[in-house]
Amino acid sequence: MANTNNFLNCTSKKPNTLITNLYLCTFATFLFTLCYFLGLWHNYPTTTVATATLATASNLCFNPTTNSTTTTTSAVPSFTNLEFAAHHNMPDPPPTAARGPHLPPCAWSYYEYTPCEDQKRSLQFPRARLAYRERHCPAAEDVLRCRIPAPYGYKQPLRWPASRDAAWFANAPHKELTVEKKGQNWVRFEGDRFKFPGGGTMFPRGADRYIDDIGKLVNLRDGSIRTAIDTGCGVASFGAYLLSRDILTVSFAPRDTHISQVQFALERGVPALIGILASIRLPYPSRAFDLAHCSRCLIPWGKYEGVYLTEVDRVLRPGGYWILSGPPINYQSHWRGWERTRESLRDEQDEIEDVAKSLCWKKLVQKDDLAVWQKPTNHVHCKLKRKIFKTSRPFCGEAQDPDTAWYTKLDTCLTPLPEVKDVKEISGGGLSKWPKRLTSIPPRIRSENLEGITAEMFTENTRLWKKRVAYYKKLDHQLAERGRYRNLLDMNSYLGGFAAALVDDPVWVMNIVPVEAEINTLGVVYERGLIGTYQNWCEAMSTYPRTYDFIHGDSVFSLYQNRCDMVDILLEMDRILRPEGSVILRDDVDVLTKVKSIADEMQWDVRITDHEEGPYERQKILIAVKEYWTAPPPERNQHSKH
């Protein structure tokens, strides 16, 4: 074996093999050299003149008809006819698509346009029970394809909490309420701004003292009351002053003769929506609110078989409170000022009392101008009473989903509470007090009523959104700046994780659960002590232009693919977003690329960045800022109005 290895080693030092190995190495080198030159001869043409080699190469490269075997006899090659054009061209790529649709500004007169509460269109609908003031969205051919302008002179709202007490006149230039409600301390006009003293029709001394009076009847400080609804809210002073007590109120009022009342609320930084109790359900789930309030809201509670109070019962939490002030409460002291007869007011109160009894409510107290009723914590006794007294108000059937509330007709039947095993048990499960309520497992999840959502998933979702919001604040310095934003919107909130992660910031979030969502989770959002509403993003939202400082959307455009035009959704976002407000969307990269091409035409500064987990995630994040622009000055408006 050693002899074989030495034979193969050309450097072997043994005398008897050295010469042999040297011959073998020389012979191998000769063979390699011969093969090399044979290869050159085979692949390159021979030439008779060495100086002609360059010309030959030129012919081979640029003249496709040159024969590789042709020889050149010219001693000096000519370069006068060299051709440098490419003879093998790739076809041109198809032309790129246009950047996006042309989306011009709308006429300046549309600066307060609310598509689904348009006052001219509403006149086409029946006036019975004020149904004409409900949502009536335009047909597809009537949808505007332009961008709503801000009024000339628009300014960023004052920062909270200063905004609670003042708003710029230029942002909502209407003085009608300052005249109409002058004696009730709703709103005053001073210089370049409106001032909100906190008064109301039934609390001219101010909402703070009014709420203190309520607090003597119902405990507002121990965290058991977190979510409230104010029907016929005016400029939302009731909700504005409840915020200092950690109570989050959804205030609503119609767009009617009280011009801009909801718009004033939003400019103040108070949660509010355009809405009315007429013929369809309020857009909230059942068992959503701890407290409902009406202060001279002019809703005929005792009429139409008590259908409006029955709707309040649907959205009230078991054990929740309904508070009424104004007619007919304490009519004995106010009937002259209300310009009503004692008899008519007494009859109205009797009707309300009868409806409340049919709902199994208990009247807790009536003191001065306030009356308080409480909804039962379960329906055990209520069902027994129905068997004994044969009451005329039946329970709704199982086919009627109590959480369905998008264009759903009102009904006079009583929404049944979830079954309990004990008379002391709270239907649907008890809630923790605020702030523990935010992170406690919501009863709808704890009881496994939402298919596919477990307690572990809820806990993980809460943790995930803390991480995501921290990342957002690195991407958007305005979101990170404490106090820069006040009114926030989450277009697809799921379990409310985004809002929960911002609970320590001076903001409020309107959590949207799209009606197209696979699982209706809005009830969970409310069980966490947050607020929200249903929405179909193929339609406009029931709010004024420039409502929100910041809009967030998780997979919204993927959800609405093949449902409606992406352009219309983006135009609606532009309508409700304030100038210099921000947008953060997270979605598939292909979807966001399409969104960006449209947003670039909307005077948004847009960029797409990586997912918080890194560049290899297919989901990306789009960050946009709406540029500041307004309607032209008034003298130019006269020429541009149409």
Foldseek 3Di string as FASTA:
>chain_A
DVVVVLLPDQPRPDVVRNVVSVVVVVVVVVVVVVVVVVVVPVPAEDEPAPQCPVVLVQCVPQPVPDDRNDYDDDNHHDPPPRDDDDPDDDDDDDDDDALADFAAADFQVCQWPFQQQDPVVLVVDDPAQHPSLAGDHDDPVPDDRHFRFFAPPDDQFDFPPVLLFKGFCSRPVDCVCCVVCVQFQQWHDDDGMITRQQGDPQRSVHLLVVVVVVCVQPPLAPQQFAEEEEALQFLPSNQSNSVVSNHAYEYEETCDPSHCSQVSNLSSLHHYFYHHPGWFAAQFFFQQGQEYEYEPSVNQCLPPLRLSVLSVNRNHHAFHKYKYFDAPAPVVVCVVVVVHDPVVRVVSVVSNVVSCVLQVWAWRDRDHRMTMITHHQFCPVVVVCCVVVVDPAAADDPVDRRGDGDRHTTDRHHHHFADDPDSPAGGLHDADGPPVQQLPQFSCQVVCVWPPDHNVNSNVLLVVLLLVVVVVCVVDVQSVDARSWAEEEEQDCQQVSNQSSCVPGNYAYAYEHEPLDPTPNSSNCSSSSHHYGYDHLLGAGRDTFQSGQEYEYEAPVVSCVVPHDPSSSVSNVSRNHHAFGKYKYKHFPVSVSSVSSNVVSQQKDKDKAADPVDNVDRIIMMMITHHDDRRDPPVVSVVSHD
